[in-house]
């Protein structure tokens, strides 16, 4: 359980309160510092997965914690950003992204209960979605009102992430549909 990939995943979780505190610090560069912390956390996602596969260090604990850590750091960042970007065109993607995570987590739990967890594995679209979300968060953390082009880029990226989020949710539901349908008929 205490291998390097799992420790990196735990680091990602441990960075969440640090990220929140730095985000609210009353100094000029807090947004850059919080973006750096978030970026480090995002990079540990890639590194821990790479190391786990490359060094054959995959564990049930890591398989559980890795997606949880991703969801926690992204949801935390989106909630913090919602305070600054409190417009409907930002709020709707945030609701879609967080709502999808709740739906898919519940779906995975239910599929595990019926012994079909392997039917709803992470897809490439899900991985792309995660990276687009993380890139959008970094851009929005760095962006200031004096940089409208950067805000536009962040809003565009978060909208793209929301679309990928919906697409990946449909793919998951499509994979689970035979089980959902069979269990509703019995």
C-alpha atoms as a PDB file:
ATOM      1  CA  UNK A   1       0.000   0.000   0.000  1.00  0.00           C
ATOM      2  CA  UNK A   2       2.783   2.484   0.803  1.00  0.00           C
ATOM      3  CA  UNK A   3       4.437   2.547  -2.589  1.00  0.00           C
ATOM      4  CA  UNK A   4       5.493   5.680  -4.499  1.00  0.00           C
ATOM      5  CA  UNK A   5       2.374   5.956  -6.712  1.00  0.00           C
ATOM      6  CA  UNK A   6       0.079   5.710  -3.670  1.00  0.00           C
ATOM      7  CA  UNK A   7       2.173   8.244  -1.765  1.00  0.00           C
ATOM      8  CA  UNK A   8       1.867  10.647  -4.720  1.00  0.00           C
ATOM      9  CA  UNK A   9      -1.901  10.159  -4.691  1.00  0.00           C
ATOM     10  CA  UNK A  10      -1.963  10.858  -0.949  1.00  0.00           C
ATOM     11  CA  UNK A  11       0.135  13.971  -1.604  1.00  0.00           C
ATOM     12  CA  UNK A  12      -2.541  15.138  -4.045  1.00  0.00           C
ATOM     13  CA  UNK A  13      -5.160  14.784  -1.312  1.00  0.00           C
ATOM     14  CA  UNK A  14      -2.908  16.497   1.250  1.00  0.00           C
ATOM     15  CA  UNK A  15      -2.413  19.439  -1.117  1.00  0.00           C
ATOM     16  CA  UNK A  16      -6.143  20.232  -1.083  1.00  0.00           C
ATOM     17  CA  UNK A  17      -6.189  22.161   2.241  1.00  0.00           C
ATOM     18  CA  UNK A  18      -2.911  23.864   1.296  1.00  0.00           C
ATOM     19  CA  UNK A  19      -4.462  24.884  -2.028  1.00  0.00           C
ATOM     20  CA  UNK A  20      -7.545  26.314  -0.277  1.00  0.00           C
ATOM     21  CA  UNK A  21      -5.508  28.297   2.260  1.00  0.00           C
ATOM     22  CA  UNK A  22      -3.174  29.727  -0.400  1.00  0.00           C
ATOM     23  CA  UNK A  23      -6.152  30.593  -2.626  1.00  0.00           C
ATOM     24  CA  UNK A  24      -7.530  32.841   0.128  1.00  0.00           C
ATOM     25  CA  UNK A  25      -4.248  34.404   1.243  1.00  0.00           C
ATOM     26  CA  UNK A  26      -4.479  38.205   1.133  1.00  0.00           C
ATOM     27  CA  UNK A  27      -1.433  38.818  -1.015  1.00  0.00           C
ATOM     28  CA  UNK A  28      -1.020  39.837  -4.619  1.00  0.00           C
ATOM     29  CA  UNK A  29       0.249  36.556  -6.066  1.00  0.00           C
ATOM     30  CA  UNK A  30      -2.103  34.152  -4.310  1.00  0.00           C
ATOM     31  CA  UNK A  31      -3.772  33.212  -7.600  1.00  0.00           C
ATOM     32  CA  UNK A  32      -0.420  32.255  -9.183  1.00  0.00           C
ATOM     33  CA  UNK A  33       0.652  30.306  -6.074  1.00  0.00           C
ATOM     34  CA  UNK A  34      -2.674  28.431  -5.944  1.00  0.00           C
ATOM     35  CA  UNK A  35      -2.349  27.641  -9.676  1.00  0.00           C
ATOM     36  CA  UNK A  36       1.142  26.234  -9.053  1.00  0.00           C
ATOM     37  CA  UNK A  37      -0.132  24.048  -6.193  1.00  0.00           C
ATOM     38  CA  UNK A  38      -3.027  22.830  -8.326  1.00  0.00           C
ATOM     39  CA  UNK A  39      -0.638  22.135 -11.228  1.00  0.00           C
ATOM     40  CA  UNK A  40       1.665  20.100  -8.974  1.00  0.00           C
ATOM     41  CA  UNK A  41      -1.363  18.118  -7.784  1.00  0.00           C
ATOM     42  CA  UNK A  42      -2.515  17.584 -11.382  1.00  0.00           C
ATOM     43  CA  UNK A  43       0.931  16.391 -12.428  1.00  0.00           C
ATOM     44  CA  UNK A  44       1.008  13.855  -9.604  1.00  0.00           C
ATOM     45  CA  UNK A  45      -2.081  12.333 -11.229  1.00  0.00           C
ATOM     46  CA  UNK A  46      -0.132  11.574 -14.369  1.00  0.00           C
ATOM     47  CA  UNK A  47       3.067  10.561 -12.557  1.00  0.00           C
ATOM     48  CA  UNK A  48       1.409   8.191 -10.089  1.00  0.00           C
ATOM     49  CA  UNK A  49      -0.481   6.409 -12.860  1.00  0.00           C
ATOM     50  CA  UNK A  50       2.618   6.153 -15.043  1.00  0.00           C
ATOM     51  CA  UNK A  51       4.755   4.798 -12.193  1.00  0.00           C
ATOM     52  CA  UNK A  52       2.088   2.336 -11.066  1.00  0.00           C
ATOM     53  CA  UNK A  53       1.863   0.855 -14.571  1.00  0.00           C
ATOM     54  CA  UNK A  54       5.583   1.051 -15.404  1.00  0.00           C
ATOM     55  CA  UNK A  55       6.797  -0.416 -12.104  1.00  0.00           C
ATOM     56  CA  UNK A  56       3.834  -2.811 -11.721  1.00  0.00           C
ATOM     57  CA  UNK A  57       2.838  -1.146  -8.437  1.00  0.00           C
ATOM     58  CA  UNK A  58      -0.926  -1.077  -8.957  1.00  0.00           C
ATOM     59  CA  UNK A  59      -2.874  -1.749  -5.758  1.00  0.00           C
ATOM     60  CA  UNK A  60      -6.564  -1.862  -4.838  1.00  0.00           C
ATOM     61  CA  UNK A  61      -5.925   1.115  -2.526  1.00  0.00           C
ATOM     62  CA  UNK A  62      -4.428   3.124  -5.394  1.00  0.00           C
ATOM     63  CA  UNK A  63      -7.232   2.112  -7.753  1.00  0.00           C
ATOM     64  CA  UNK A  64      -9.714   3.437  -5.181  1.00  0.00           C
ATOM     65  CA  UNK A  65      -7.884   6.578  -4.079  1.00  0.00           C
ATOM     66  CA  UNK A  66      -6.597   7.899  -7.424  1.00  0.00           C
ATOM     67  CA  UNK A  67      -9.988   8.811  -8.932  1.00  0.00           C
ATOM     68  CA  UNK A  68     -11.209  10.074  -5.544  1.00  0.00           C
ATOM     69  CA  UNK A  69      -8.184  12.387  -5.285  1.00  0.00           C
ATOM     70  CA  UNK A  70      -8.828  13.726  -8.798  1.00  0.00           C
ATOM     71  CA  UNK A  71     -12.467  14.418  -8.066  1.00  0.00           C
ATOM     72  CA  UNK A  72     -11.691  16.097  -4.740  1.00  0.00           C
ATOM     73  CA  UNK A  73      -9.062  18.484  -6.083  1.00  0.00           C
ATOM     74  CA  UNK A  74     -11.086  19.406  -9.189  1.00  0.00           C
ATOM     75  CA  UNK A  75     -14.355  19.873  -7.268  1.00  0.00           C
ATOM     76  CA  UNK A  76     -12.574  21.972  -4.639  1.00  0.00           C
ATOM     77  CA  UNK A  77     -11.022  24.189  -7.298  1.00  0.00           C
ATOM     78  CA  UNK A  78     -14.298  24.589  -9.201  1.00  0.00           C
ATOM     79  CA  UNK A  79     -16.158  25.579  -6.031  1.00  0.00           C
ATOM     80  CA  UNK A  80     -13.487  28.146  -5.171  1.00  0.00           C
ATOM     81  CA  UNK A  81     -13.526  29.523  -8.716  1.00  0.00           C
ATOM     82  CA  UNK A  82     -17.321  29.754  -8.654  1.00  0.00           C
ATOM     83  CA  UNK A  83     -16.988  32.437  -6.000  1.00  0.00           C
ATOM     84  CA  UNK A  84     -15.021  34.655  -8.412  1.00  0.00           C
ATOM     85  CA  UNK A  85     -16.718  33.583 -11.652  1.00  0.00           C
ATOM     86  CA  UNK A  86     -20.316  33.641 -10.460  1.00  0.00           C
ATOM     87  CA  UNK A  87     -21.867  33.831 -13.906  1.00  0.00           C
ATOM     88  CA  UNK A  88     -24.332  31.265 -15.289  1.00  0.00           C
ATOM     89  CA  UNK A  89     -21.961  30.298 -18.123  1.00  0.00           C
ATOM     90  CA  UNK A  90     -19.452  29.182 -15.501  1.00  0.00           C
ATOM     91  CA  UNK A  91     -21.909  27.813 -12.932  1.00  0.00           C
ATOM     92  CA  UNK A  92     -23.592  25.454 -15.419  1.00  0.00           C
ATOM     93  CA  UNK A  93     -20.363  23.641 -16.398  1.00  0.00           C
ATOM     94  CA  UNK A  94     -19.428  23.388 -12.702  1.00  0.00           C
ATOM     95  CA  UNK A  95     -22.793  21.768 -11.912  1.00  0.00           C
ATOM     96  CA  UNK A  96     -22.414  19.409 -14.893  1.00  0.00           C
ATOM     97  CA  UNK A  97     -18.882  18.390 -13.899  1.00  0.00           C
ATOM     98  CA  UNK A  98     -19.604  17.847 -10.201  1.00  0.00           C
ATOM     99  CA  UNK A  99     -23.000  16.264 -10.913  1.00  0.00           C
ATOM    100  CA  UNK A 100     -21.457  13.796 -13.351  1.00  0.00           C
ATOM    101  CA  UNK A 101     -18.898  12.760 -10.757  1.00  0.00           C
ATOM    102  CA  UNK A 102     -21.672  11.998  -8.274  1.00  0.00           C
ATOM    103  CA  UNK A 103     -23.670  10.016 -10.860  1.00  0.00           C
ATOM    104  CA  UNK A 104     -20.670   7.986 -12.035  1.00  0.00           C
ATOM    105  CA  UNK A 105     -19.473   7.320  -8.482  1.00  0.00           C
ATOM    106  CA  UNK A 106     -22.926   6.001  -7.595  1.00  0.00           C
ATOM    107  CA  UNK A 107     -23.000   3.952 -10.800  1.00  0.00           C
ATOM    108  CA  UNK A 108     -19.598   2.410 -10.055  1.00  0.00           C
ATOM    109  CA  UNK A 109     -20.655   1.590  -6.504  1.00  0.00           C
ATOM    110  CA  UNK A 110     -23.853  -0.058  -7.719  1.00  0.00           C
ATOM    111  CA  UNK A 111     -22.004  -1.966 -10.451  1.00  0.00           C
ATOM    112  CA  UNK A 112     -19.516  -3.206  -7.839  1.00  0.00           C
ATOM    113  CA  UNK A 113     -22.390  -4.397  -5.625  1.00  0.00           C
ATOM    114  CA  UNK A 114     -23.759  -6.537  -8.445  1.00  0.00           C
ATOM    115  CA  UNK A 115     -20.284  -7.811  -9.362  1.00  0.00           C
ATOM    116  CA  UNK A 116     -19.952  -5.888 -12.616  1.00  0.00           C
ATOM    117  CA  UNK A 117     -17.517  -3.102 -11.709  1.00  0.00           C
ATOM    118  CA  UNK A 118     -15.204  -4.141 -14.548  1.00  0.00           C
ATOM    119  CA  UNK A 119     -17.955  -3.236 -17.028  1.00  0.00           C
ATOM    120  CA  UNK A 120     -17.506   0.501 -16.334  1.00  0.00           C
ATOM    121  CA  UNK A 121     -13.780   1.084 -16.715  1.00  0.00           C
ATOM    122  CA  UNK A 122     -12.239   4.495 -17.299  1.00  0.00           C
ATOM    123  CA  UNK A 123     -12.294   5.422 -20.983  1.00  0.00           C
ATOM    124  CA  UNK A 124      -9.890   7.585 -22.954  1.00  0.00           C
ATOM    125  CA  UNK A 125     -12.610  10.274 -23.104  1.00  0.00           C
ATOM    126  CA  UNK A 126     -12.698  10.232 -19.288  1.00  0.00           C
ATOM    127  CA  UNK A 127      -8.942  10.771 -19.151  1.00  0.00           C
ATOM    128  CA  UNK A 128      -9.088  13.601 -21.695  1.00  0.00           C
ATOM    129  CA  UNK A 129     -11.969  15.133 -19.750  1.00  0.00           C
ATOM    130  CA  UNK A 130      -9.904  15.132 -16.577  1.00  0.00           C
ATOM    131  CA  UNK A 131      -6.951  16.841 -18.252  1.00  0.00           C
ATOM    132  CA  UNK A 132      -9.145  19.455 -19.969  1.00  0.00           C
ATOM    133  CA  UNK A 133     -10.803  20.189 -16.607  1.00  0.00           C
ATOM    134  CA  UNK A 134      -7.437  20.537 -14.916  1.00  0.00           C
ATOM    135  CA  UNK A 135      -6.073  22.795 -17.676  1.00  0.00           C
ATOM    136  CA  UNK A 136      -9.207  24.964 -17.489  1.00  0.00           C
ATOM    137  CA  UNK A 137      -8.832  25.280 -13.719  1.00  0.00           C
ATOM    138  CA  UNK A 138      -5.184  26.324 -14.015  1.00  0.00           C
ATOM    139  CA  UNK A 139      -6.045  28.964 -16.626  1.00  0.00           C
ATOM    140  CA  UNK A 140      -8.902  30.327 -14.518  1.00  0.00           C
ATOM    141  CA  UNK A 141      -6.765  30.382 -11.379  1.00  0.00           C
ATOM    142  CA  UNK A 142      -4.132  32.451 -13.175  1.00  0.00           C
ATOM    143  CA  UNK A 143      -6.530  34.726 -15.098  1.00  0.00           C
ATOM    144  CA  UNK A 144      -7.345  38.182 -13.804  1.00  0.00           C
ATOM    145  CA  UNK A 145      -9.961  40.665 -15.020  1.00  0.00           C
ATOM    146  CA  UNK A 146      -7.137  42.553 -16.747  1.00  0.00           C
ATOM    147  CA  UNK A 147      -6.618  39.484 -18.980  1.00  0.00           C
ATOM    148  CA  UNK A 148      -9.932  39.030 -20.806  1.00  0.00           C
ATOM    149  CA  UNK A 149      -8.359  36.739 -23.406  1.00  0.00           C
ATOM    150  CA  UNK A 150      -7.185  34.399 -20.635  1.00  0.00           C
ATOM    151  CA  UNK A 151     -10.626  34.443 -19.012  1.00  0.00           C
ATOM    152  CA  UNK A 152     -12.169  33.647 -22.397  1.00  0.00           C
ATOM    153  CA  UNK A 153      -9.722  30.763 -22.815  1.00  0.00           C
ATOM    154  CA  UNK A 154     -10.599  29.443 -19.344  1.00  0.00           C
ATOM    155  CA  UNK A 155     -14.341  29.729 -19.957  1.00  0.00           C
ATOM    156  CA  UNK A 156     -13.969  27.990 -23.310  1.00  0.00           C
ATOM    157  CA  UNK A 157     -11.902  25.203 -21.748  1.00  0.00           C
ATOM    158  CA  UNK A 158     -14.385  24.680 -18.904  1.00  0.00           C
ATOM    159  CA  UNK A 159     -17.249  24.538 -21.445  1.00  0.00           C
ATOM    160  CA  UNK A 160     -15.282  21.957 -23.452  1.00  0.00           C
ATOM    161  CA  UNK A 161     -14.647  20.027 -20.236  1.00  0.00           C
ATOM    162  CA  UNK A 162     -18.393  20.060 -19.480  1.00  0.00           C
ATOM    163  CA  UNK A 163     -19.156  18.678 -22.949  1.00  0.00           C
ATOM    164  CA  UNK A 164     -16.515  15.956 -22.528  1.00  0.00           C
ATOM    165  CA  UNK A 165     -17.977  15.279 -19.084  1.00  0.00           C
ATOM    166  CA  UNK A 166     -21.430  14.696 -20.560  1.00  0.00           C
ATOM    167  CA  UNK A 167     -19.973  12.564 -23.348  1.00  0.00           C
ATOM    168  CA  UNK A 168     -18.033  10.385 -20.901  1.00  0.00           C
ATOM    169  CA  UNK A 169     -21.120  10.038 -18.691  1.00  0.00           C
ATOM    170  CA  UNK A 170     -23.162   8.841 -21.660  1.00  0.00           C
ATOM    171  CA  UNK A 171     -20.425   6.309 -22.478  1.00  0.00           C
ATOM    172  CA  UNK A 172     -20.438   5.011 -18.883  1.00  0.00           C
ATOM    173  CA  UNK A 173     -24.224   4.770 -18.817  1.00  0.00           C
ATOM    174  CA  UNK A 174     -24.196   3.017 -22.182  1.00  0.00           C
ATOM    175  CA  UNK A 175     -21.742   0.425 -20.812  1.00  0.00           C
ATOM    176  CA  UNK A 176     -23.868  -0.059 -17.699  1.00  0.00           C
ATOM    177  CA  UNK A 177     -27.210  -0.013 -19.527  1.00  0.00           C
ATOM    178  CA  UNK A 178     -27.500  -3.818 -19.980  1.00  0.00           C
ATOM    179  CA  UNK A 179     -27.077  -4.260 -16.208  1.00  0.00           C
ATOM    180  CA  UNK A 180     -29.397  -1.357 -15.405  1.00  0.00           C
ATOM    181  CA  UNK A 181     -32.043  -2.714 -17.743  1.00  0.00           C
ATOM    182  CA  UNK A 182     -31.694  -6.322 -16.542  1.00  0.00           C
ATOM    183  CA  UNK A 183     -31.952  -5.317 -12.884  1.00  0.00           C
ATOM    184  CA  UNK A 184     -34.955  -3.097 -13.473  1.00  0.00           C
ATOM    185  CA  UNK A 185     -36.808  -5.942 -15.177  1.00  0.00           C
ATOM    186  CA  UNK A 186     -36.248  -8.431 -12.357  1.00  0.00           C
END
